[in-house]
Amino acid sequence: MIRKLLLGAALLSVICAAVYFHYHRPSLPVEIAYAGNRQVSIYSTTAQVREELATANYGERLDVLGRYQTQVQVRTMKRVTGWVNERDLLSADLWQKAQDLEKSAATMPVEARGHTKVLSNLRVEPGRDAPRLRQLNKQIPVELFMRRAVEVPKISKPGEDEESSGEGSGEKKEDWWLVRAHTPEQTTITGWIVGRFVVLDVPAPLPDYASSSGFRIVAWFELNRVNNPSGQSRPQYLVAGAQGPEGQPCDFTLLRAYTWGVQRQRYETAFVERGICGKLPIKLVHPETAGGDVQFSFLDMGKVPAAERLYRMHQTIIRRVREDGAAKARNHAS
């Protein structure tokens, strides 16, 4: 009798435990997602009247448990379960693409620096229809790596048929830049942004020189520094510029070098190269690894096939290095 009672009690315990774990065990995630904004609010319900249970920082992993219309049920790593809007999430695939962009940009030379001019969307690819990685506020510092000219989608007007709405859609293009943004929470994120949403932080007096010469600066580099009688060394610059509106096939069409004149105490144009169809990046090799002279190179897309151009700077003289080892002066100061 006692043995039967003990056996029955054990069996009852097993049944109770099974029922408990069936109703209380954690739900298995349907998929994995990541917080796609600086802070994503997690709410208690999908109703309009709701309580904020927690917040997830950008990039925080979340378990997706279910969906209801545009709302997604998620669980944080701290086991908080609630609801978020689907536009505040990045899929696992999109998050991986963002990480790949970050790794790729880490090996690229920085072509320019600036900051966001307006509230801007950072996208995984150049184009307004590409998935958004994150929204950036104004005044966010960015580093620029490469440019692409992308067709601007034409918006159909009321009463316009499909054929007429597509007419001329490929005529207008806009610049997109691959940038690395430095966010207030001390993290970086890499993606594509509309070029005109970025203000370049070009060092003075380069913008004045560019304006007077009728071109816009797209990239600049510090070649070296020269000692000044005042005791403060002065940087010498290489500037890549373009003319005309955005969306051009060439990243830049001219190069200029500005050197510091010790006697006149001002910058002087020491080198000009025109008639090129340059493609970024411009790669610099500084004196410590170039035998004492600065070298820079880029791909000229105006040639068929495209050819690399290599230049060497000795003191204030910049010459193009030919394939046969000879050098031709390009010291056309203006």
C-alpha atoms as a PDB file:
ATOM      1  CA  MET A   1       0.000   0.000   0.000  1.00  0.00           C
ATOM      2  CA  ILE A   2       2.752   2.469   0.976  1.00  0.00           C
ATOM      3  CA  ARG A   3       4.665   1.615  -2.193  1.00  0.00           C
ATOM      4  CA  LYS A   4       1.558   2.336  -4.278  1.00  0.00           C
ATOM      5  CA  LEU A   5       1.026   5.649  -2.494  1.00  0.00           C
ATOM      6  CA  LEU A   6       4.630   6.702  -3.101  1.00  0.00           C
ATOM      7  CA  LEU A   7       4.421   5.665  -6.726  1.00  0.00           C
ATOM      8  CA  GLY A   8       1.174   7.587  -7.158  1.00  0.00           C
ATOM      9  CA  ALA A   9       2.665  10.691  -5.507  1.00  0.00           C
ATOM     10  CA  ALA A  10       5.710  10.531  -7.778  1.00  0.00           C
ATOM     11  CA  LEU A  11       3.536  10.138 -10.854  1.00  0.00           C
ATOM     12  CA  LEU A  12       1.362  13.066  -9.773  1.00  0.00           C
ATOM     13  CA  SER A  13       4.481  15.224  -9.280  1.00  0.00           C
ATOM     14  CA  VAL A  14       5.699  14.392 -12.777  1.00  0.00           C
ATOM     15  CA  ILE A  15       2.305  15.266 -14.269  1.00  0.00           C
ATOM     16  CA  CYS A  16       2.141  18.555 -12.355  1.00  0.00           C
ATOM     17  CA  ALA A  17       5.675  19.463 -13.398  1.00  0.00           C
ATOM     18  CA  ALA A  18       4.883  18.672 -17.041  1.00  0.00           C
ATOM     19  CA  VAL A  19       1.753  20.821 -16.947  1.00  0.00           C
ATOM     20  CA  TYR A  20       3.651  23.680 -15.263  1.00  0.00           C
ATOM     21  CA  PHE A  21       6.497  23.708 -17.766  1.00  0.00           C
ATOM     22  CA  HIS A  22       4.063  23.407 -20.643  1.00  0.00           C
ATOM     23  CA  TYR A  23       2.389  26.669 -19.682  1.00  0.00           C
ATOM     24  CA  HIS A  24       5.387  28.501 -18.209  1.00  0.00           C
ATOM     25  CA  ARG A  25       8.308  27.521 -20.396  1.00  0.00           C
ATOM     26  CA  PRO A  26       9.811  30.374 -22.489  1.00  0.00           C
ATOM     27  CA  SER A  27       8.414  30.629 -26.005  1.00  0.00           C
ATOM     28  CA  LEU A  28      10.860  29.725 -28.739  1.00  0.00           C
ATOM     29  CA  PRO A  29      11.720  32.701 -30.972  1.00  0.00           C
ATOM     30  CA  VAL A  30      10.306  32.768 -34.494  1.00  0.00           C
ATOM     31  CA  GLU A  31      13.333  34.743 -35.673  1.00  0.00           C
ATOM     32  CA  ILE A  32      16.085  37.067 -34.436  1.00  0.00           C
ATOM     33  CA  ALA A  33      16.016  40.853 -34.919  1.00  0.00           C
ATOM     34  CA  TYR A  34      18.006  43.867 -33.743  1.00  0.00           C
ATOM     35  CA  ALA A  35      17.007  47.276 -32.436  1.00  0.00           C
ATOM     36  CA  GLY A  36      17.193  49.702 -35.355  1.00  0.00           C
ATOM     37  CA  ASN A  37      17.060  53.087 -33.623  1.00  0.00           C
ATOM     38  CA  ARG A  38      19.073  54.799 -30.919  1.00  0.00           C
ATOM     39  CA  GLN A  39      16.489  53.647 -28.396  1.00  0.00           C
ATOM     40  CA  VAL A  40      13.538  51.394 -29.140  1.00  0.00           C
ATOM     41  CA  SER A  41      10.630  51.443 -26.691  1.00  0.00           C
ATOM     42  CA  ILE A  42       9.118  48.089 -25.718  1.00  0.00           C
ATOM     43  CA  TYR A  43       5.456  48.341 -24.723  1.00  0.00           C
ATOM     44  CA  SER A  44       3.139  46.121 -22.726  1.00  0.00           C
ATOM     45  CA  THR A  45       0.475  45.842 -25.420  1.00  0.00           C
ATOM     46  CA  THR A  46      -0.419  46.871 -28.981  1.00  0.00           C
ATOM     47  CA  ALA A  47      -3.236  49.094 -27.712  1.00  0.00           C
ATOM     48  CA  GLN A  48      -2.994  52.888 -27.760  1.00  0.00           C
ATOM     49  CA  VAL A  49      -3.090  53.003 -23.964  1.00  0.00           C
ATOM     50  CA  ARG A  50      -0.001  51.087 -22.928  1.00  0.00           C
ATOM     51  CA  GLU A  51       2.960  51.019 -20.593  1.00  0.00           C
ATOM     52  CA  GLU A  52       6.613  51.239 -21.577  1.00  0.00           C
ATOM     53  CA  LEU A  53       8.297  48.171 -20.108  1.00  0.00           C
ATOM     54  CA  ALA A  54      11.881  48.694 -21.287  1.00  0.00           C
ATOM     55  CA  THR A  55      14.085  50.216 -23.971  1.00  0.00           C
ATOM     56  CA  ALA A  56      16.561  48.528 -26.316  1.00  0.00           C
ATOM     57  CA  ASN A  57      19.653  50.327 -27.576  1.00  0.00           C
ATOM     58  CA  TYR A  58      20.694  50.296 -31.217  1.00  0.00           C
ATOM     59  CA  GLY A  59      21.997  46.896 -32.254  1.00  0.00           C
ATOM     60  CA  GLU A  60      20.627  45.050 -29.215  1.00  0.00           C
ATOM     61  CA  ARG A  61      19.535  41.530 -30.082  1.00  0.00           C
ATOM     62  CA  LEU A  62      15.845  40.722 -29.658  1.00  0.00           C
ATOM     63  CA  ASP A  63      13.919  37.446 -29.952  1.00  0.00           C
ATOM     64  CA  VAL A  64      10.856  37.776 -32.179  1.00  0.00           C
ATOM     65  CA  LEU A  65       7.935  35.821 -30.703  1.00  0.00           C
ATOM     66  CA  GLY A  66       5.066  36.892 -32.927  1.00  0.00           C
ATOM     67  CA  ARG A  67       3.502  39.590 -35.087  1.00  0.00           C
ATOM     68  CA  TYR A  68       0.236  41.476 -35.190  1.00  0.00           C
ATOM     69  CA  GLN A  69      -0.227  43.847 -38.138  1.00  0.00           C
ATOM     70  CA  THR A  70       2.682  46.347 -37.865  1.00  0.00           C
ATOM     71  CA  GLN A  71       3.491  45.363 -34.270  1.00  0.00           C
ATOM     72  CA  VAL A  72       6.075  42.752 -33.303  1.00  0.00           C
ATOM     73  CA  GLN A  73       6.266  40.883 -30.019  1.00  0.00           C
ATOM     74  CA  VAL A  74       9.870  40.656 -28.826  1.00  0.00           C
ATOM     75  CA  ARG A  75      11.841  39.426 -25.849  1.00  0.00           C
ATOM     76  CA  THR A  76      15.006  41.153 -24.661  1.00  0.00           C
ATOM     77  CA  MET A  77      18.136  39.454 -23.350  1.00  0.00           C
ATOM     78  CA  LYS A  78      16.900  40.414 -19.860  1.00  0.00           C
ATOM     79  CA  ARG A  79      13.734  38.346 -20.484  1.00  0.00           C
ATOM     80  CA  VAL A  80      11.426  41.347 -20.829  1.00  0.00           C
ATOM     81  CA  THR A  81       8.615  40.579 -23.288  1.00  0.00           C
ATOM     82  CA  GLY A  82       6.658  43.313 -25.043  1.00  0.00           C
ATOM     83  CA  TRP A  83       5.682  44.939 -28.330  1.00  0.00           C
ATOM     84  CA  VAL A  84       7.553  47.241 -30.740  1.00  0.00           C
ATOM     85  CA  ASN A  85       6.826  48.732 -34.152  1.00  0.00           C
ATOM     86  CA  GLU A  86       8.315  46.696 -36.983  1.00  0.00           C
ATOM     87  CA  ARG A  87       9.988  49.781 -38.503  1.00  0.00           C
ATOM     88  CA  ASP A  88      12.155  49.992 -35.369  1.00  0.00           C
ATOM     89  CA  LEU A  89      13.693  46.572 -36.038  1.00  0.00           C
ATOM     90  CA  LEU A  90      16.446  45.308 -38.303  1.00  0.00           C
ATOM     91  CA  SER A  91      16.240  41.750 -39.570  1.00  0.00           C
ATOM     92  CA  ALA A  92      19.158  39.410 -38.934  1.00  0.00           C
ATOM     93  CA  ASP A  93      20.042  39.561 -42.645  1.00  0.00           C
ATOM     94  CA  LEU A  94      20.016  43.367 -42.689  1.00  0.00           C
ATOM     95  CA  TRP A  95      22.072  43.502 -39.489  1.00  0.00           C
ATOM     96  CA  GLN A  96      24.679  41.210 -41.051  1.00  0.00           C
ATOM     97  CA  LYS A  97      24.871  43.487 -44.103  1.00  0.00           C
ATOM     98  CA  ALA A  98      25.438  46.443 -41.770  1.00  0.00           C
ATOM     99  CA  GLN A  99      28.285  44.583 -40.072  1.00  0.00           C
ATOM    100  CA  ASP A 100      29.797  43.737 -43.466  1.00  0.00           C
ATOM    101  CA  LEU A 101      29.691  47.423 -44.441  1.00  0.00           C
ATOM    102  CA  GLU A 102      31.411  48.322 -41.179  1.00  0.00           C
ATOM    103  CA  LYS A 103      34.218  45.831 -41.809  1.00  0.00           C
ATOM    104  CA  SER A 104      34.631  46.941 -45.418  1.00  0.00           C
ATOM    105  CA  ALA A 105      34.856  50.640 -44.481  1.00  0.00           C
ATOM    106  CA  ALA A 106      37.518  49.851 -41.875  1.00  0.00           C
ATOM    107  CA  THR A 107      39.966  49.074 -44.708  1.00  0.00           C
ATOM    108  CA  MET A 108      39.128  52.152 -46.823  1.00  0.00           C
ATOM    109  CA  PRO A 109      40.942  55.498 -46.735  1.00  0.00           C
ATOM    110  CA  VAL A 110      38.851  58.464 -45.567  1.00  0.00           C
ATOM    111  CA  GLU A 111      38.299  60.842 -48.503  1.00  0.00           C
ATOM    112  CA  ALA A 112      36.527  63.656 -46.641  1.00  0.00           C
ATOM    113  CA  ARG A 113      34.912  64.550 -43.317  1.00  0.00           C
ATOM    114  CA  GLY A 114      31.718  66.382 -42.537  1.00  0.00           C
ATOM    115  CA  HIS A 115      28.447  66.302 -40.592  1.00  0.00           C
ATOM    116  CA  THR A 116      24.774  65.738 -41.310  1.00  0.00           C
ATOM    117  CA  LYS A 117      22.888  68.869 -42.328  1.00  0.00           C
ATOM    118  CA  VAL A 118      19.381  67.546 -41.666  1.00  0.00           C
ATOM    119  CA  LEU A 119      17.636  64.514 -40.219  1.00  0.00           C
ATOM    120  CA  SER A 120      18.909  61.789 -42.557  1.00  0.00           C
ATOM    121  CA  ASN A 121      18.314  58.127 -43.280  1.00  0.00           C
ATOM    122  CA  LEU A 122      21.321  55.832 -43.420  1.00  0.00           C
ATOM    123  CA  ARG A 123      20.670  52.968 -45.847  1.00  0.00           C
ATOM    124  CA  VAL A 124      22.279  49.619 -46.563  1.00  0.00           C
ATOM    125  CA  GLU A 125      22.684  50.464 -50.277  1.00  0.00           C
ATOM    126  CA  PRO A 126      22.638  53.705 -52.293  1.00  0.00           C
ATOM    127  CA  GLY A 127      19.057  54.550 -53.268  1.00  0.00           C
ATOM    128  CA  ARG A 128      15.901  55.809 -51.663  1.00  0.00           C
ATOM    129  CA  ASP A 129      14.203  52.404 -51.854  1.00  0.00           C
ATOM    130  CA  ALA A 130      17.030  50.561 -50.072  1.00  0.00           C
ATOM    131  CA  PRO A 131      16.337  49.310 -46.512  1.00  0.00           C
ATOM    132  CA  ARG A 132      17.076  51.847 -43.784  1.00  0.00           C
ATOM    133  CA  LEU A 133      19.697  51.015 -41.190  1.00  0.00           C
ATOM    134  CA  ARG A 134      19.118  53.984 -38.929  1.00  0.00           C
ATOM    135  CA  GLN A 135      18.002  57.607 -38.845  1.00  0.00           C
ATOM    136  CA  LEU A 136      20.684  60.171 -38.016  1.00  0.00           C
ATOM    137  CA  ASN A 137      20.031  63.480 -36.304  1.00  0.00           C
ATOM    138  CA  LYS A 138      21.522  66.788 -37.421  1.00  0.00           C
ATOM    139  CA  GLN A 139      25.167  67.576 -36.656  1.00  0.00           C
ATOM    140  CA  ILE A 140      26.297  63.934 -36.565  1.00  0.00           C
ATOM    141  CA  PRO A 141      30.004  63.698 -37.585  1.00  0.00           C
ATOM    142  CA  VAL A 142      30.630  61.452 -40.596  1.00  0.00           C
ATOM    143  CA  GLU A 143      33.622  60.196 -42.556  1.00  0.00           C
ATOM    144  CA  LEU A 144      33.155  59.770 -46.315  1.00  0.00           C
ATOM    145  CA  PHE A 145      34.634  56.861 -48.292  1.00  0.00           C
ATOM    146  CA  MET A 146      33.092  56.532 -51.752  1.00  0.00           C
ATOM    147  CA  ARG A 147      30.438  58.072 -54.010  1.00  0.00           C
ATOM    148  CA  ARG A 148      27.851  56.658 -56.357  1.00  0.00           C
ATOM    149  CA  ALA A 149      25.532  58.475 -58.752  1.00  0.00           C
ATOM    150  CA  VAL A 150      22.023  57.015 -58.469  1.00  0.00           C
ATOM    151  CA  GLU A 151      18.940  57.748 -60.545  1.00  0.00           C
ATOM    152  CA  VAL A 152      16.291  59.768 -58.747  1.00  0.00           C
ATOM    153  CA  PRO A 153      12.925  57.960 -58.845  1.00  0.00           C
ATOM    154  CA  LYS A 154      10.319  60.028 -60.623  1.00  0.00           C
ATOM    155  CA  ILE A 155       7.061  60.468 -58.740  1.00  0.00           C
ATOM    156  CA  SER A 156       3.994  60.117 -60.926  1.00  0.00           C
ATOM    157  CA  LYS A 157       1.649  63.077 -60.974  1.00  0.00           C
ATOM    158  CA  PRO A 158      -2.126  62.619 -60.571  1.00  0.00           C
ATOM    159  CA  GLY A 159      -3.655  61.618 -63.912  1.00  0.00           C
ATOM    160  CA  GLU A 160      -0.322  60.643 -65.432  1.00  0.00           C
ATOM    161  CA  ASP A 161      -0.182  57.163 -66.947  1.00  0.00           C
ATOM    162  CA  GLU A 162       2.606  54.696 -66.229  1.00  0.00           C
ATOM    163  CA  GLU A 163       4.414  55.218 -69.540  1.00  0.00           C
ATOM    164  CA  SER A 164       4.557  59.001 -69.282  1.00  0.00           C
ATOM    165  CA  SER A 165       5.533  58.872 -65.603  1.00  0.00           C
ATOM    166  CA  GLY A 166       8.620  56.800 -66.443  1.00  0.00           C
ATOM    167  CA  GLU A 167       9.657  59.045 -69.312  1.00  0.00           C
ATOM    168  CA  GLY A 168      12.939  60.769 -68.569  1.00  0.00           C
ATOM    169  CA  SER A 169      13.253  59.042 -65.196  1.00  0.00           C
ATOM    170  CA  GLY A 170      16.900  58.235 -65.908  1.00  0.00           C
ATOM    171  CA  GLU A 171      17.880  61.806 -66.743  1.00  0.00           C
ATOM    172  CA  LYS A 172      18.405  63.080 -63.210  1.00  0.00           C
ATOM    173  CA  LYS A 173      20.862  61.544 -60.788  1.00  0.00           C
ATOM    174  CA  GLU A 174      21.922  62.341 -57.246  1.00  0.00           C
ATOM    175  CA  ASP A 175      25.075  61.631 -55.259  1.00  0.00           C
ATOM    176  CA  TRP A 176      25.095  58.996 -52.525  1.00  0.00           C
ATOM    177  CA  TRP A 177      28.057  58.547 -50.192  1.00  0.00           C
ATOM    178  CA  LEU A 178      29.209  55.616 -48.128  1.00  0.00           C
ATOM    179  CA  VAL A 179      29.851  57.138 -44.699  1.00  0.00           C
ATOM    180  CA  ARG A 180      30.763  56.116 -41.179  1.00  0.00           C
ATOM    181  CA  ALA A 181      28.693  58.033 -38.649  1.00  0.00           C
ATOM    182  CA  HIS A 182      29.885  58.712 -35.107  1.00  0.00           C
ATOM    183  CA  THR A 183      26.769  58.629 -32.933  1.00  0.00           C
ATOM    184  CA  PRO A 184      26.309  60.357 -29.548  1.00  0.00           C
ATOM    185  CA  GLU A 185      26.367  57.017 -27.738  1.00  0.00           C
ATOM    186  CA  GLN A 186      30.020  56.602 -28.790  1.00  0.00           C
ATOM    187  CA  THR A 187      29.334  53.979 -31.446  1.00  0.00           C
ATOM    188  CA  THR A 188      29.864  53.977 -35.208  1.00  0.00           C
ATOM    189  CA  ILE A 189      27.569  52.816 -37.972  1.00  0.00           C
ATOM    190  CA  THR A 190      28.353  52.630 -41.682  1.00  0.00           C
ATOM    191  CA  GLY A 191      25.869  53.071 -44.516  1.00  0.00           C
ATOM    192  CA  TRP A 192      24.825  55.125 -47.531  1.00  0.00           C
ATOM    193  CA  ILE A 193      23.417  58.647 -47.303  1.00  0.00           C
ATOM    194  CA  VAL A 194      22.243  61.286 -49.793  1.00  0.00           C
ATOM    195  CA  GLY A 195      25.240  63.493 -50.552  1.00  0.00           C
ATOM    196  CA  ARG A 196      23.481  66.833 -50.217  1.00  0.00           C
ATOM    197  CA  PHE A 197      22.432  65.910 -46.683  1.00  0.00           C
ATOM    198  CA  VAL A 198      26.091  66.148 -45.630  1.00  0.00           C
ATOM    199  CA  VAL A 199      28.085  69.346 -45.098  1.00  0.00           C
ATOM    200  CA  LEU A 200      31.818  68.872 -45.669  1.00  0.00           C
ATOM    201  CA  ASP A 201      34.075  70.278 -42.955  1.00  0.00           C
ATOM    202  CA  VAL A 202      36.724  71.512 -45.387  1.00  0.00           C
ATOM    203  CA  PRO A 203      39.601  73.326 -43.604  1.00  0.00           C
ATOM    204  CA  ALA A 204      40.075  77.028 -44.323  1.00  0.00           C
ATOM    205  CA  PRO A 205      41.030  78.618 -46.651  1.00  0.00           C
ATOM    206  CA  LEU A 206      40.346  75.784 -49.145  1.00  0.00           C
ATOM    207  CA  PRO A 207      36.631  76.594 -49.648  1.00  0.00           C
ATOM    208  CA  ASP A 208      37.506  80.177 -50.683  1.00  0.00           C
ATOM    209  CA  TYR A 209      40.068  78.950 -53.212  1.00  0.00           C
ATOM    210  CA  ALA A 210      37.607  76.442 -54.644  1.00  0.00           C
ATOM    211  CA  SER A 211      34.867  79.051 -54.945  1.00  0.00           C
ATOM    212  CA  SER A 212      37.121  81.531 -56.732  1.00  0.00           C
ATOM    213  CA  SER A 213      38.283  78.799 -59.141  1.00  0.00           C
ATOM    214  CA  GLY A 214      34.730  77.648 -59.923  1.00  0.00           C
ATOM    215  CA  PHE A 215      34.685  74.098 -58.577  1.00  0.00           C
ATOM    216  CA  ARG A 216      33.291  72.228 -55.587  1.00  0.00           C
ATOM    217  CA  ILE A 217      35.467  70.145 -53.301  1.00  0.00           C
ATOM    218  CA  VAL A 218      34.630  66.451 -53.029  1.00  0.00           C
ATOM    219  CA  ALA A 219      37.743  65.221 -51.196  1.00  0.00           C
ATOM    220  CA  TRP A 220      40.906  66.597 -49.623  1.00  0.00           C
ATOM    221  CA  PHE A 221      44.057  65.252 -48.007  1.00  0.00           C
ATOM    222  CA  GLU A 222      46.925  66.578 -45.933  1.00  0.00           C
ATOM    223  CA  LEU A 223      50.068  65.817 -47.943  1.00  0.00           C
ATOM    224  CA  ASN A 224      52.589  66.934 -45.322  1.00  0.00           C
ATOM    225  CA  ARG A 225      53.416  69.830 -43.019  1.00  0.00           C
ATOM    226  CA  VAL A 226      56.028  72.591 -43.324  1.00  0.00           C
ATOM    227  CA  ASN A 227      57.694  74.552 -40.556  1.00  0.00           C
ATOM    228  CA  ASN A 228      56.697  78.198 -40.197  1.00  0.00           C
ATOM    229  CA  PRO A 229      58.799  81.009 -38.650  1.00  0.00           C
ATOM    230  CA  SER A 230      55.985  81.531 -36.153  1.00  0.00           C
ATOM    231  CA  GLY A 231      56.728  78.066 -34.793  1.00  0.00           C
ATOM    232  CA  GLN A 232      53.409  76.540 -35.872  1.00  0.00           C
ATOM    233  CA  SER A 233      53.687  74.075 -38.765  1.00  0.00           C
ATOM    234  CA  ARG A 234      51.301  74.437 -41.687  1.00  0.00           C
ATOM    235  CA  PRO A 235      49.606  71.573 -43.553  1.00  0.00           C
ATOM    236  CA  GLN A 236      49.890  71.315 -47.331  1.00  0.00           C
ATOM    237  CA  TYR A 237      46.831  69.987 -49.130  1.00  0.00           C
ATOM    238  CA  LEU A 238      45.750  67.952 -52.118  1.00  0.00           C
ATOM    239  CA  VAL A 239      42.184  68.770 -53.204  1.00  0.00           C
ATOM    240  CA  ALA A 240      39.924  66.809 -55.575  1.00  0.00           C
ATOM    241  CA  GLY A 241      37.155  68.820 -57.182  1.00  0.00           C
ATOM    242  CA  ALA A 242      34.272  68.604 -59.627  1.00  0.00           C
ATOM    243  CA  GLN A 243      32.238  71.054 -61.664  1.00  0.00           C
ATOM    244  CA  GLY A 244      28.569  71.056 -62.500  1.00  0.00           C
ATOM    245  CA  PRO A 245      25.658  69.522 -60.590  1.00  0.00           C
ATOM    246  CA  GLU A 246      25.641  66.302 -58.618  1.00  0.00           C
ATOM    247  CA  GLY A 247      25.166  62.959 -60.316  1.00  0.00           C
ATOM    248  CA  GLN A 248      28.194  63.284 -62.610  1.00  0.00           C
ATOM    249  CA  PRO A 249      29.789  60.073 -63.964  1.00  0.00           C
ATOM    250  CA  CYS A 250      33.223  61.060 -62.572  1.00  0.00           C
ATOM    251  CA  ASP A 251      33.900  61.377 -58.837  1.00  0.00           C
ATOM    252  CA  PHE A 252      36.251  64.297 -59.589  1.00  0.00           C
ATOM    253  CA  THR A 253      37.596  66.007 -62.714  1.00  0.00           C
ATOM    254  CA  LEU A 254      40.498  68.048 -61.365  1.00  0.00           C
ATOM    255  CA  LEU A 255      43.218  67.997 -58.742  1.00  0.00           C
ATOM    256  CA  ARG A 256      44.916  70.926 -57.047  1.00  0.00           C
ATOM    257  CA  ALA A 257      47.705  71.106 -54.495  1.00  0.00           C
ATOM    258  CA  TYR A 258      48.077  74.063 -52.150  1.00  0.00           C
ATOM    259  CA  THR A 259      51.453  74.628 -50.504  1.00  0.00           C
ATOM    260  CA  TRP A 260      52.343  77.099 -47.782  1.00  0.00           C
ATOM    261  CA  GLY A 261      54.520  80.011 -48.864  1.00  0.00           C
ATOM    262  CA  VAL A 262      56.753  80.929 -45.944  1.00  0.00           C
ATOM    263  CA  GLN A 263      57.809  84.295 -47.382  1.00  0.00           C
ATOM    264  CA  ARG A 264      54.295  85.513 -48.261  1.00  0.00           C
ATOM    265  CA  GLN A 265      52.655  83.688 -45.365  1.00  0.00           C
ATOM    266  CA  ARG A 266      49.821  82.328 -47.479  1.00  0.00           C
ATOM    267  CA  TYR A 267      48.776  79.291 -49.466  1.00  0.00           C
ATOM    268  CA  GLU A 268      49.761  79.086 -53.119  1.00  0.00           C
ATOM    269  CA  THR A 269      48.532  76.847 -55.935  1.00  0.00           C
ATOM    270  CA  ALA A 270      51.481  74.584 -56.659  1.00  0.00           C
ATOM    271  CA  PHE A 271      49.872  71.935 -58.882  1.00  0.00           C
ATOM    272  CA  VAL A 272      46.847  71.624 -61.166  1.00  0.00           C
ATOM    273  CA  GLU A 273      45.656  68.564 -63.097  1.00  0.00           C
ATOM    274  CA  ARG A 274      42.578  68.855 -65.334  1.00  0.00           C
ATOM    275  CA  GLY A 275      40.801  66.735 -67.896  1.00  0.00           C
ATOM    276  CA  ILE A 276      40.592  63.590 -65.788  1.00  0.00           C
ATOM    277  CA  CYS A 277      37.716  61.357 -64.792  1.00  0.00           C
ATOM    278  CA  GLY A 278      38.889  60.313 -61.365  1.00  0.00           C
ATOM    279  CA  LYS A 279      37.360  57.567 -59.268  1.00  0.00           C
ATOM    280  CA  LEU A 280      37.710  57.520 -55.500  1.00  0.00           C
ATOM    281  CA  PRO A 281      39.520  56.478 -53.422  1.00  0.00           C
ATOM    282  CA  ILE A 282      42.653  58.570 -53.770  1.00  0.00           C
ATOM    283  CA  LYS A 283      45.345  56.575 -52.004  1.00  0.00           C
ATOM    284  CA  LEU A 284      48.157  58.413 -50.214  1.00  0.00           C
ATOM    285  CA  VAL A 285      51.503  57.008 -49.140  1.00  0.00           C
ATOM    286  CA  HIS A 286      53.320  59.301 -46.692  1.00  0.00           C
ATOM    287  CA  PRO A 287      57.085  59.910 -46.512  1.00  0.00           C
ATOM    288  CA  GLU A 288      57.881  57.308 -43.882  1.00  0.00           C
ATOM    289  CA  THR A 289      56.829  54.559 -46.327  1.00  0.00           C
ATOM    290  CA  ALA A 290      57.556  56.234 -49.679  1.00  0.00           C
ATOM    291  CA  GLY A 291      61.283  56.874 -49.520  1.00  0.00           C
ATOM    292  CA  GLY A 292      60.911  60.421 -48.225  1.00  0.00           C
ATOM    293  CA  ASP A 293      58.411  61.678 -50.826  1.00  0.00           C
ATOM    294  CA  VAL A 294      54.621  61.710 -50.649  1.00  0.00           C
ATOM    295  CA  GLN A 295      52.898  59.600 -53.292  1.00  0.00           C
ATOM    296  CA  PHE A 296      49.251  59.452 -54.291  1.00  0.00           C
ATOM    297  CA  SER A 297      47.310  57.489 -56.886  1.00  0.00           C
ATOM    298  CA  PHE A 298      43.797  56.998 -58.234  1.00  0.00           C
ATOM    299  CA  LEU A 299      41.940  55.291 -61.071  1.00  0.00           C
ATOM    300  CA  ASP A 300      41.294  57.392 -64.188  1.00  0.00           C
ATOM    301  CA  MET A 301      38.010  56.207 -65.713  1.00  0.00           C
ATOM    302  CA  GLY A 302      38.501  58.428 -68.762  1.00  0.00           C
ATOM    303  CA  LYS A 303      40.839  55.842 -70.241  1.00  0.00           C
ATOM    304  CA  VAL A 304      39.800  52.608 -71.955  1.00  0.00           C
ATOM    305  CA  PRO A 305      40.589  50.462 -70.120  1.00  0.00           C
ATOM    306  CA  ALA A 306      40.700  52.463 -66.895  1.00  0.00           C
ATOM    307  CA  ALA A 307      44.263  53.208 -65.830  1.00  0.00           C
ATOM    308  CA  GLU A 308      45.909  54.068 -62.533  1.00  0.00           C
ATOM    309  CA  ARG A 309      47.640  57.431 -62.232  1.00  0.00           C
ATOM    310  CA  LEU A 310      50.529  57.728 -59.811  1.00  0.00           C
ATOM    311  CA  TYR A 311      52.092  61.005 -58.614  1.00  0.00           C
ATOM    312  CA  ARG A 312      55.065  61.846 -56.424  1.00  0.00           C
ATOM    313  CA  MET A 313      55.653  65.070 -54.478  1.00  0.00           C
ATOM    314  CA  HIS A 314      59.201  66.240 -53.802  1.00  0.00           C
ATOM    315  CA  GLN A 315      59.292  69.434 -51.715  1.00  0.00           C
ATOM    316  CA  THR A 316      56.613  71.514 -53.516  1.00  0.00           C
ATOM    317  CA  ILE A 317      56.947  69.861 -56.944  1.00  0.00           C
ATOM    318  CA  ILE A 318      54.387  67.214 -57.934  1.00  0.00           C
ATOM    319  CA  ARG A 319      55.113  65.015 -60.939  1.00  0.00           C
ATOM    320  CA  ARG A 320      53.233  62.186 -62.518  1.00  0.00           C
ATOM    321  CA  VAL A 321      55.161  58.922 -62.475  1.00  0.00           C
ATOM    322  CA  ARG A 322      54.974  57.084 -65.779  1.00  0.00           C
ATOM    323  CA  GLU A 323      54.851  53.314 -66.125  1.00  0.00           C
ATOM    324  CA  ASP A 324      58.330  53.305 -67.632  1.00  0.00           C
ATOM    325  CA  GLY A 325      59.702  55.042 -64.541  1.00  0.00           C
ATOM    326  CA  ALA A 326      60.042  58.461 -66.166  1.00  0.00           C
ATOM    327  CA  ALA A 327      58.263  61.434 -64.666  1.00  0.00           C
ATOM    328  CA  LYS A 328      56.452  64.240 -66.401  1.00  0.00           C
ATOM    329  CA  ALA A 329      55.959  67.556 -64.628  1.00  0.00           C
ATOM    330  CA  ARG A 330      52.396  68.647 -63.969  1.00  0.00           C
ATOM    331  CA  ASN A 331      53.305  71.828 -62.186  1.00  0.00           C
ATOM    332  CA  HIS A 332      50.770  74.116 -63.875  1.00  0.00           C
ATOM    333  CA  ALA A 333      50.250  76.706 -61.157  1.00  0.00           C
ATOM    334  CA  SER A 334      47.531  79.217 -61.729  1.00  0.00           C
END
